[in-house]
Amino acid sequence: MSTQRIIRMTLSVLASLASLALSWPYWRDFGYWAESRSMWLLYFALGFVLAVYVFNAFFDSLSTLFEHDALEREARTLSPQTLSSDETPASGRDAS
C-alpha cells in the first residue's frame, strides 16, 4: 500500500469518526434512541463504513483532478504559444 493511499484512508477514518461522534445520541440525551439498541449499533456501523467509502472516493477523485491539472499545466508549458487566426495581439489591431 502506498503512503498516499495510507494517508487518504487515515483521513477518511478520522473524518468518519468525527461524523460518528457528532451524530451519536449521547449528545441529545438519548432522545432519538430506538427500542432496539442492536439496530442502532448496526445503523451506526453501516453508516461508518459508508462514510469511510465516500470520503475515500472523494479523496481519490480530488487527486485525479490535481493530476489532470498538473498534466494540463505541463502541456501548456511544453507547447509553443500560438495564436489562432481570429486572435490578434492588442498592439496589432487597426485603429479604424
PDB file of N, CA and C in Angstrom:
ATOM      1  N   MET A   1       0.851  -1.171   0.000  1.00  0.00           N
ATOM      2  CA  MET A   1       0.000   0.000   0.000  1.00  0.00           C
ATOM      3  C   MET A   1       0.901   1.240   0.000  1.00  0.00           C
ATOM      4  N   SER A   2       0.607   2.179  -0.876  1.00  0.00           N
ATOM      5  CA  SER A   2       1.438   3.370  -0.971  1.00  0.00           C
ATOM      6  C   SER A   2       1.167   4.320   0.195  1.00  0.00           C
ATOM      7  N   THR A   3       2.106   5.197   0.415  1.00  0.00           N
ATOM      8  CA  THR A   3       1.974   6.172   1.505  1.00  0.00           C
ATOM      9  C   THR A   3       0.775   7.076   1.278  1.00  0.00           C
ATOM     10  N   GLN A   4       0.563   7.452   0.026  1.00  0.00           N
ATOM     11  CA  GLN A   4      -0.570   8.322  -0.296  1.00  0.00           C
ATOM     12  C   GLN A   4      -1.901   7.630   0.017  1.00  0.00           C
ATOM     13  N   ARG A   5      -2.000   6.359  -0.287  1.00  0.00           N
ATOM     14  CA  ARG A   5      -3.216   5.596  -0.005  1.00  0.00           C
ATOM     15  C   ARG A   5      -3.443   5.485   1.505  1.00  0.00           C
ATOM     16  N   ILE A   6      -2.368   5.293   2.267  1.00  0.00           N
ATOM     17  CA  ILE A   6      -2.481   5.191   3.728  1.00  0.00           C
ATOM     18  C   ILE A   6      -2.957   6.518   4.311  1.00  0.00           C
ATOM     19  N   ILE A   7      -2.416   7.621   3.799  1.00  0.00           N
ATOM     20  CA  ILE A   7      -2.835   8.944   4.278  1.00  0.00           C
ATOM     21  C   ILE A   7      -4.304   9.177   3.966  1.00  0.00           C
ATOM     22  N   ARG A   8      -4.731   8.841   2.755  1.00  0.00           N
ATOM     23  CA  ARG A   8      -6.146   9.010   2.382  1.00  0.00           C
ATOM     24  C   ARG A   8      -7.059   8.174   3.270  1.00  0.00           C
ATOM     25  N   MET A   9      -6.675   6.932   3.520  1.00  0.00           N
ATOM     26  CA  MET A   9      -7.507   6.058   4.346  1.00  0.00           C
ATOM     27  C   MET A   9      -7.560   6.572   5.787  1.00  0.00           C
ATOM     28  N   THR A  10      -6.433   7.054   6.299  1.00  0.00           N
ATOM     29  CA  THR A  10      -6.410   7.604   7.651  1.00  0.00           C
ATOM     30  C   THR A  10      -7.308   8.828   7.756  1.00  0.00           C
ATOM     31  N   LEU A  11      -7.218   9.725   6.778  1.00  0.00           N
ATOM     32  CA  LEU A  11      -8.095  10.898   6.773  1.00  0.00           C
ATOM     33  C   LEU A  11      -9.562  10.495   6.659  1.00  0.00           C
ATOM     34  N   SER A  12      -9.852   9.478   5.866  1.00  0.00           N
ATOM     35  CA  SER A  12     -11.228   9.001   5.727  1.00  0.00           C
ATOM     36  C   SER A  12     -11.761   8.463   7.048  1.00  0.00           C
ATOM     37  N   VAL A  13     -10.951   7.676   7.727  1.00  0.00           N
ATOM     38  CA  VAL A  13     -11.388   7.100   9.005  1.00  0.00           C
ATOM     39  C   VAL A  13     -11.570   8.203  10.051  1.00  0.00           C
ATOM     40  N   LEU A  14     -10.642   9.162  10.106  1.00  0.00           N
ATOM     41  CA  LEU A  14     -10.771  10.253  11.080  1.00  0.00           C
ATOM     42  C   LEU A  14     -12.000  11.108  10.802  1.00  0.00           C
ATOM     43  N   ALA A  15     -12.261  11.422   9.543  1.00  0.00           N
ATOM     44  CA  ALA A  15     -13.449  12.207   9.205  1.00  0.00           C
ATOM     45  C   ALA A  15     -14.718  11.425   9.534  1.00  0.00           C
ATOM     46  N   SER A  16     -14.709  10.129   9.311  1.00  0.00           N
ATOM     47  CA  SER A  16     -15.869   9.304   9.631  1.00  0.00           C
ATOM     48  C   SER A  16     -16.079   9.197  11.135  1.00  0.00           C
ATOM     49  N   LEU A  17     -14.992   9.106  11.888  1.00  0.00           N
ATOM     50  CA  LEU A  17     -15.119   9.085  13.344  1.00  0.00           C
ATOM     51  C   LEU A  17     -15.677  10.412  13.865  1.00  0.00           C
ATOM     52  N   ALA A  18     -15.252  11.511  13.262  1.00  0.00           N
ATOM     53  CA  ALA A  18     -15.808  12.811  13.656  1.00  0.00           C
ATOM     54  C   ALA A  18     -17.298  12.875  13.342  1.00  0.00           C
ATOM     55  N   SER A  19     -17.686  12.365  12.193  1.00  0.00           N
ATOM     56  CA  SER A  19     -19.109  12.335  11.830  1.00  0.00           C
ATOM     57  C   SER A  19     -19.904  11.454  12.786  1.00  0.00           C
ATOM     58  N   LEU A  20     -19.324  10.322  13.141  1.00  0.00           N
ATOM     59  CA  LEU A  20     -19.990   9.415  14.075  1.00  0.00           C
ATOM     60  C   LEU A  20     -20.137  10.069  15.449  1.00  0.00           C
ATOM     61  N   ALA A  21     -19.095  10.756  15.892  1.00  0.00           N
ATOM     62  CA  ALA A  21     -19.164  11.409  17.198  1.00  0.00           C
ATOM     63  C   ALA A  21     -20.210  12.521  17.210  1.00  0.00           C
ATOM     64  N   LEU A  22     -20.339  13.234  16.106  1.00  0.00           N
ATOM     65  CA  LEU A  22     -21.330  14.306  16.038  1.00  0.00           C
ATOM     66  C   LEU A  22     -22.757  13.774  15.984  1.00  0.00           C
ATOM     67  N   SER A  23     -22.945  12.575  15.465  1.00  0.00           N
ATOM     68  CA  SER A  23     -24.295  12.040  15.341  1.00  0.00           C
ATOM     69  C   SER A  23     -24.672  11.103  16.484  1.00  0.00           C
ATOM     70  N   TRP A  24     -23.768  10.855  17.401  1.00  0.00           N
ATOM     71  CA  TRP A  24     -24.032   9.914  18.490  1.00  0.00           C
ATOM     72  C   TRP A  24     -25.119  10.463  19.415  1.00  0.00           C
ATOM     73  N   PRO A  25     -26.070   9.654  19.834  1.00  0.00           N
ATOM     74  CA  PRO A  25     -27.212  10.129  20.621  1.00  0.00           C
ATOM     75  C   PRO A  25     -26.886  10.580  22.044  1.00  0.00           C
ATOM     76  N   TYR A  26     -25.661  10.347  22.531  1.00  0.00           N
ATOM     77  CA  TYR A  26     -25.323  10.831  23.876  1.00  0.00           C
ATOM     78  C   TYR A  26     -25.472  12.341  23.958  1.00  0.00           C
ATOM     79  N   TRP A  27     -25.192  13.015  22.850  1.00  0.00           N
ATOM     80  CA  TRP A  27     -25.257  14.475  22.839  1.00  0.00           C
ATOM     81  C   TRP A  27     -26.694  14.982  22.899  1.00  0.00           C
ATOM     82  N   ARG A  28     -27.644  14.093  22.610  1.00  0.00           N
ATOM     83  CA  ARG A  28     -29.060  14.502  22.593  1.00  0.00           C
ATOM     84  C   ARG A  28     -29.841  13.842  23.719  1.00  0.00           C
ATOM     85  N   ASP A  29     -29.188  13.444  24.768  1.00  0.00           N
ATOM     86  CA  ASP A  29     -29.820  12.810  25.926  1.00  0.00           C
ATOM     87  C   ASP A  29     -30.654  11.596  25.529  1.00  0.00           C
ATOM     88  N   PHE A  30     -30.170  10.827  24.593  1.00  0.00           N
ATOM     89  CA  PHE A  30     -30.835   9.612  24.118  1.00  0.00           C
ATOM     90  C   PHE A  30     -32.253   9.884  23.635  1.00  0.00           C
ATOM     91  N   GLY A  31     -32.519  11.091  23.168  1.00  0.00           N
ATOM     92  CA  GLY A  31     -33.861  11.452  22.719  1.00  0.00           C
ATOM     93  C   GLY A  31     -34.298  10.706  21.468  1.00  0.00           C
ATOM     94  N   TYR A  32     -33.340  10.192  20.703  1.00  0.00           N
ATOM     95  CA  TYR A  32     -33.696   9.533  19.448  1.00  0.00           C
ATOM     96  C   TYR A  32     -33.361   8.047  19.454  1.00  0.00           C
ATOM     97  N   TRP A  33     -33.097   7.469  20.598  1.00  0.00           N
ATOM     98  CA  TRP A  33     -32.782   6.052  20.645  1.00  0.00           C
ATOM     99  C   TRP A  33     -34.035   5.218  20.365  1.00  0.00           C
ATOM    100  N   ALA A  34     -33.859   4.270  19.534  1.00  0.00           N
ATOM    101  CA  ALA A  34     -34.962   3.343  19.235  1.00  0.00           C
ATOM    102  C   ALA A  34     -35.039   2.286  20.341  1.00  0.00           C
ATOM    103  N   GLU A  35     -36.042   1.451  20.273  1.00  0.00           N
ATOM    104  CA  GLU A  35     -36.203   0.422  21.298  1.00  0.00           C
ATOM    105  C   GLU A  35     -35.119  -0.646  21.193  1.00  0.00           C
ATOM    106  N   SER A  36     -34.641  -0.912  20.002  1.00  0.00           N
ATOM    107  CA  SER A  36     -33.644  -1.953  19.798  1.00  0.00           C
ATOM    108  C   SER A  36     -32.252  -1.315  19.652  1.00  0.00           C
ATOM    109  N   ARG A  37     -31.418  -1.531  20.666  1.00  0.00           N
ATOM    110  CA  ARG A  37     -30.062  -0.967  20.600  1.00  0.00           C
ATOM    111  C   ARG A  37     -29.233  -1.651  19.527  1.00  0.00           C
ATOM    112  N   SER A  38     -29.508  -2.911  19.262  1.00  0.00           N
ATOM    113  CA  SER A  38     -28.725  -3.609  18.235  1.00  0.00           C
ATOM    114  C   SER A  38     -28.962  -3.015  16.852  1.00  0.00           C
ATOM    115  N   MET A  39     -30.168  -2.563  16.585  1.00  0.00           N
ATOM    116  CA  MET A  39     -30.436  -1.914  15.292  1.00  0.00           C
ATOM    117  C   MET A  39     -29.712  -0.579  15.202  1.00  0.00           C
ATOM    118  N   TRP A  40     -29.645   0.165  16.307  1.00  0.00           N
ATOM    119  CA  TRP A  40     -28.895   1.422  16.297  1.00  0.00           C
ATOM    120  C   TRP A  40     -27.417   1.164  16.073  1.00  0.00           C
ATOM    121  N   LEU A  41     -26.862   0.145  16.716  1.00  0.00           N
ATOM    122  CA  LEU A  41     -25.450  -0.174  16.519  1.00  0.00           C
ATOM    123  C   LEU A  41     -25.191  -0.596  15.082  1.00  0.00           C
ATOM    124  N   LEU A  42     -26.101  -1.369  14.507  1.00  0.00           N
ATOM    125  CA  LEU A  42     -25.976  -1.754  13.101  1.00  0.00           C
ATOM    126  C   LEU A  42     -26.061  -0.524  12.205  1.00  0.00           C
ATOM    127  N   TYR A  43     -26.973   0.367  12.522  1.00  0.00           N
ATOM    128  CA  TYR A  43     -27.142   1.609  11.761  1.00  0.00           C
ATOM    129  C   TYR A  43     -25.854   2.438  11.793  1.00  0.00           C
ATOM    130  N   PHE A  44     -25.256   2.594  12.972  1.00  0.00           N
ATOM    131  CA  PHE A  44     -24.028   3.373  13.086  1.00  0.00           C
ATOM    132  C   PHE A  44     -22.845   2.669  12.429  1.00  0.00           C
ATOM    133  N   ALA A  45     -22.776   1.351  12.541  1.00  0.00           N
ATOM    134  CA  ALA A  45     -21.675   0.608  11.912  1.00  0.00           C
ATOM    135  C   ALA A  45     -21.751   0.711  10.387  1.00  0.00           C
ATOM    136  N   LEU A  46     -22.936   0.523   9.831  1.00  0.00           N
ATOM    137  CA  LEU A  46     -23.081   0.652   8.375  1.00  0.00           C
ATOM    138  C   LEU A  46     -22.834   2.086   7.915  1.00  0.00           C
ATOM    139  N   GLY A  47     -23.293   3.043   8.699  1.00  0.00           N
ATOM    140  CA  GLY A  47     -23.052   4.441   8.366  1.00  0.00           C
ATOM    141  C   GLY A  47     -21.576   4.782   8.401  1.00  0.00           C
ATOM    142  N   PHE A  48     -20.849   4.225   9.355  1.00  0.00           N
ATOM    143  CA  PHE A  48     -19.410   4.464   9.445  1.00  0.00           C
ATOM    144  C   PHE A  48     -18.689   3.899   8.236  1.00  0.00           C
ATOM    145  N   VAL A  49     -19.011   2.673   7.864  1.00  0.00           N
ATOM    146  CA  VAL A  49     -18.369   2.043   6.704  1.00  0.00           C
ATOM    147  C   VAL A  49     -18.693   2.826   5.436  1.00  0.00           C
ATOM    148  N   LEU A  50     -19.924   3.232   5.276  1.00  0.00           N
ATOM    149  CA  LEU A  50     -20.311   4.020   4.110  1.00  0.00           C
ATOM    150  C   LEU A  50     -19.595   5.370   4.095  1.00  0.00           C
ATOM    151  N   ALA A  51     -19.453   6.001   5.253  1.00  0.00           N
ATOM    152  CA  ALA A  51     -18.757   7.285   5.321  1.00  0.00           C
ATOM    153  C   ALA A  51     -17.287   7.138   4.954  1.00  0.00           C
ATOM    154  N   VAL A  52     -16.636   6.069   5.400  1.00  0.00           N
ATOM    155  CA  VAL A  52     -15.238   5.832   5.026  1.00  0.00           C
ATOM    156  C   VAL A  52     -15.138   5.668   3.513  1.00  0.00           C
ATOM    157  N   TYR A  53     -16.039   4.921   2.925  1.00  0.00           N
ATOM    158  CA  TYR A  53     -16.031   4.723   1.473  1.00  0.00           C
ATOM    159  C   TYR A  53     -16.227   6.044   0.733  1.00  0.00           C
ATOM    160  N   VAL A  54     -17.173   6.856   1.169  1.00  0.00           N
ATOM    161  CA  VAL A  54     -17.459   8.124   0.496  1.00  0.00           C
ATOM    162  C   VAL A  54     -16.280   9.084   0.618  1.00  0.00           C
ATOM    163  N   PHE A  55     -15.702   9.198   1.806  1.00  0.00           N
ATOM    164  CA  PHE A  55     -14.535  10.073   1.965  1.00  0.00           C
ATOM    165  C   PHE A  55     -13.367   9.578   1.123  1.00  0.00           C
ATOM    166  N   ASN A  56     -13.168   8.282   1.073  1.00  0.00           N
ATOM    167  CA  ASN A  56     -12.082   7.723   0.277  1.00  0.00           C
ATOM    168  C   ASN A  56     -12.311   8.000  -1.211  1.00  0.00           C
ATOM    169  N   ALA A  57     -13.528   7.831  -1.688  1.00  0.00           N
ATOM    170  CA  ALA A  57     -13.837   8.123  -3.092  1.00  0.00           C
ATOM    171  C   ALA A  57     -13.635   9.614  -3.386  1.00  0.00           C
ATOM    172  N   PHE A  58     -13.994  10.472  -2.432  1.00  0.00           N
ATOM    173  CA  PHE A  58     -13.790  11.910  -2.604  1.00  0.00           C
ATOM    174  C   PHE A  58     -12.302  12.226  -2.733  1.00  0.00           C
ATOM    175  N   PHE A  59     -11.466  11.659  -1.864  1.00  0.00           N
ATOM    176  CA  PHE A  59     -10.035  11.924  -1.935  1.00  0.00           C
ATOM    177  C   PHE A  59      -9.424  11.375  -3.219  1.00  0.00           C
ATOM    178  N   ASP A  60      -9.899  10.216  -3.694  1.00  0.00           N
ATOM    179  CA  ASP A  60      -9.413   9.674  -4.966  1.00  0.00           C
ATOM    180  C   ASP A  60      -9.761  10.592  -6.135  1.00  0.00           C
ATOM    181  N   SER A  61     -10.996  11.081  -6.172  1.00  0.00           N
ATOM    182  CA  SER A  61     -11.385  11.967  -7.265  1.00  0.00           C
ATOM    183  C   SER A  61     -10.669  13.311  -7.170  1.00  0.00           C
ATOM    184  N   LEU A  62     -10.409  13.771  -5.960  1.00  0.00           N
ATOM    185  CA  LEU A  62      -9.674  15.016  -5.778  1.00  0.00           C
ATOM    186  C   LEU A  62      -8.244  14.879  -6.295  1.00  0.00           C
ATOM    187  N   SER A  63      -7.608  13.758  -6.028  1.00  0.00           N
ATOM    188  CA  SER A  63      -6.244  13.560  -6.530  1.00  0.00           C
ATOM    189  C   SER A  63      -6.237  13.445  -8.050  1.00  0.00           C
ATOM    190  N   THR A  64      -7.279  12.851  -8.625  1.00  0.00           N
ATOM    191  CA  THR A  64      -7.382  12.770 -10.082  1.00  0.00           C
ATOM    192  C   THR A  64      -7.488  14.167 -10.690  1.00  0.00           C
ATOM    193  N   LEU A  65      -8.266  15.034 -10.050  1.00  0.00           N
ATOM    194  CA  LEU A  65      -8.378  16.412 -10.544  1.00  0.00           C
ATOM    195  C   LEU A  65      -7.031  17.125 -10.502  1.00  0.00           C
ATOM    196  N   PHE A  66      -6.278  16.946  -9.425  1.00  0.00           N
ATOM    197  CA  PHE A  66      -4.964  17.576  -9.338  1.00  0.00           C
ATOM    198  C   PHE A  66      -3.990  17.003 -10.368  1.00  0.00           C
ATOM    199  N   GLU A  67      -4.069  15.699 -10.626  1.00  0.00           N
ATOM    200  CA  GLU A  67      -3.214  15.095 -11.647  1.00  0.00           C
ATOM    201  C   GLU A  67      -3.527  15.653 -13.027  1.00  0.00           C
ATOM    202  N   HIS A  68      -4.810  15.793 -13.350  1.00  0.00           N
ATOM    203  CA  HIS A  68      -5.197  16.359 -14.646  1.00  0.00           C
ATOM    204  C   HIS A  68      -4.744  17.808 -14.760  1.00  0.00           C
ATOM    205  N   ASP A  69      -4.854  18.565 -13.675  1.00  0.00           N
ATOM    206  CA  ASP A  69      -4.408  19.951 -13.693  1.00  0.00           C
ATOM    207  C   ASP A  69      -2.904  20.026 -13.925  1.00  0.00           C
ATOM    208  N   ALA A  70      -2.142  19.138 -13.291  1.00  0.00           N
ATOM    209  CA  ALA A  70      -0.693  19.129 -13.479  1.00  0.00           C
ATOM    210  C   ALA A  70      -0.333  18.769 -14.919  1.00  0.00           C
ATOM    211  N   LEU A  71      -1.053  17.802 -15.499  1.00  0.00           N
ATOM    212  CA  LEU A  71      -0.797  17.444 -16.899  1.00  0.00           C
ATOM    213  C   LEU A  71      -1.117  18.600 -17.842  1.00  0.00           C
ATOM    214  N   GLU A  72      -2.202  19.301 -17.552  1.00  0.00           N
ATOM    215  CA  GLU A  72      -2.588  20.431 -18.396  1.00  0.00           C
ATOM    216  C   GLU A  72      -1.563  21.563 -18.299  1.00  0.00           C
ATOM    217  N   ARG A  73      -1.081  21.832 -17.107  1.00  0.00           N
ATOM    218  CA  ARG A  73      -0.055  22.866 -16.942  1.00  0.00           C
ATOM    219  C   ARG A  73       1.229  22.480 -17.657  1.00  0.00           C
ATOM    220  N   GLU A  74       1.601  21.213 -17.563  1.00  0.00           N
ATOM    221  CA  GLU A  74       2.810  20.739 -18.233  1.00  0.00           C
ATOM    222  C   GLU A  74       2.667  20.847 -19.748  1.00  0.00           C
ATOM    223  N   ALA A  75       1.496  20.486 -20.262  1.00  0.00           N
ATOM    224  CA  ALA A  75       1.270  20.575 -21.705  1.00  0.00           C
ATOM    225  C   ALA A  75       1.316  22.033 -22.170  1.00  0.00           C
ATOM    226  N   ARG A  76       0.815  22.956 -21.338  1.00  0.00           N
ATOM    227  CA  ARG A  76       0.841  24.377 -21.688  1.00  0.00           C
ATOM    228  C   ARG A  76       2.257  24.921 -21.736  1.00  0.00           C
ATOM    229  N   THR A  77       3.106  24.469 -20.830  1.00  0.00           N
ATOM    230  CA  THR A  77       4.472  24.973 -20.816  1.00  0.00           C
ATOM    231  C   THR A  77       5.312  24.361 -21.923  1.00  0.00           C
ATOM    232  N   LEU A  78       5.000  23.153 -22.353  1.00  0.00           N
ATOM    233  CA  LEU A  78       5.775  22.493 -23.397  1.00  0.00           C
ATOM    234  C   LEU A  78       5.353  22.906 -24.798  1.00  0.00           C
ATOM    235  N   SER A  79       4.081  23.248 -24.985  1.00  0.00           N
ATOM    236  CA  SER A  79       3.621  23.605 -26.320  1.00  0.00           C
ATOM    237  C   SER A  79       3.947  25.071 -26.597  1.00  0.00           C
ATOM    238  N   PRO A  80       4.261  25.388 -27.873  1.00  0.00           N
ATOM    239  CA  PRO A  80       4.556  26.784 -28.209  1.00  0.00           C
ATOM    240  C   PRO A  80       3.296  27.625 -28.106  1.00  0.00           C
ATOM    241  N   GLN A  81       3.482  28.873 -27.730  1.00  0.00           N
ATOM    242  CA  GLN A  81       2.347  29.787 -27.613  1.00  0.00           C
ATOM    243  C   GLN A  81       1.992  30.294 -29.005  1.00  0.00           C
ATOM    244  N   THR A  82       0.921  29.768 -29.568  1.00  0.00           N
ATOM    245  CA  THR A  82       0.476  30.202 -30.890  1.00  0.00           C
ATOM    246  C   THR A  82      -0.894  30.821 -30.771  1.00  0.00           C
ATOM    247  N   LEU A  83      -1.149  31.788 -31.596  1.00  0.00           N
ATOM    248  CA  LEU A  83      -2.450  32.432 -31.629  1.00  0.00           C
ATOM    249  C   LEU A  83      -3.263  31.854 -32.770  1.00  0.00           C
ATOM    250  N   SER A  84      -4.525  31.669 -32.564  1.00  0.00           N
ATOM    251  CA  SER A  84      -5.374  31.192 -33.651  1.00  0.00           C
ATOM    252  C   SER A  84      -5.593  32.329 -34.640  1.00  0.00           C
ATOM    253  N   SER A  85      -6.182  32.034 -35.767  1.00  0.00           N
ATOM    254  CA  SER A  85      -6.325  33.021 -36.834  1.00  0.00           C
ATOM    255  C   SER A  85      -7.223  34.184 -36.441  1.00  0.00           C
ATOM    256  N   ASP A  86      -8.208  33.970 -35.598  1.00  0.00           N
ATOM    257  CA  ASP A  86      -9.102  35.062 -35.219  1.00  0.00           C
ATOM    258  C   ASP A  86      -8.621  35.821 -33.991  1.00  0.00           C
ATOM    259  N   GLU A  87      -7.542  35.381 -33.363  1.00  0.00           N
ATOM    260  CA  GLU A  87      -6.990  36.111 -32.234  1.00  0.00           C
ATOM    261  C   GLU A  87      -5.792  36.914 -32.712  1.00  0.00           C
ATOM    262  N   THR A  88      -5.790  38.185 -32.444  1.00  0.00           N
ATOM    263  CA  THR A  88      -4.654  39.036 -32.786  1.00  0.00           C
ATOM    264  C   THR A  88      -4.207  39.763 -31.551  1.00  0.00           C
ATOM    265  N   PRO A  89      -2.932  40.057 -31.428  1.00  0.00           N
ATOM    266  CA  PRO A  89      -2.469  40.785 -30.266  1.00  0.00           C
ATOM    267  C   PRO A  89      -3.086  42.195 -30.238  1.00  0.00           C
ATOM    268  N   ALA A  90      -3.202  42.755 -29.065  1.00  0.00           N
ATOM    269  CA  ALA A  90      -3.851  44.067 -28.912  1.00  0.00           C
ATOM    270  C   ALA A  90      -3.081  45.152 -29.637  1.00  0.00           C
ATOM    271  N   SER A  91      -1.761  45.061 -29.730  1.00  0.00           N
ATOM    272  CA  SER A  91      -0.981  46.114 -30.386  1.00  0.00           C
ATOM    273  C   SER A  91      -1.106  46.038 -31.904  1.00  0.00           C
ATOM    274  N   GLY A  92      -1.545  44.928 -32.461  1.00  0.00           N
ATOM    275  CA  GLY A  92      -1.628  44.769 -33.906  1.00  0.00           C
ATOM    276  C   GLY A  92      -2.988  45.098 -34.484  1.00  0.00           C
ATOM    277  N   ARG A  93      -3.915  45.557 -33.691  1.00  0.00           N
ATOM    278  CA  ARG A  93      -5.247  45.875 -34.182  1.00  0.00           C
ATOM    279  C   ARG A  93      -5.261  47.239 -34.875  1.00  0.00           C
ATOM    280  N   ASP A  94      -6.133  47.340 -35.871  1.00  0.00           N
ATOM    281  CA  ASP A  94      -6.287  48.608 -36.562  1.00  0.00           C
ATOM    282  C   ASP A  94      -7.062  49.569 -35.680  1.00  0.00           C
ATOM    283  N   ALA A  95      -6.742  50.839 -35.812  1.00  0.00           N
ATOM    284  CA  ALA A  95      -7.415  51.858 -35.004  1.00  0.00           C
ATOM    285  C   ALA A  95      -8.564  52.471 -35.771  1.00  0.00           C
ATOM    286  N   SER A  96      -9.114  51.788 -36.730  1.00  0.00           N
ATOM    287  CA  SER A  96     -10.203  52.375 -37.525  1.00  0.00           C
ATOM    288  C   SER A  96     -11.533  52.236 -36.893  1.00  0.00           C
TER     289      SER A  96
END
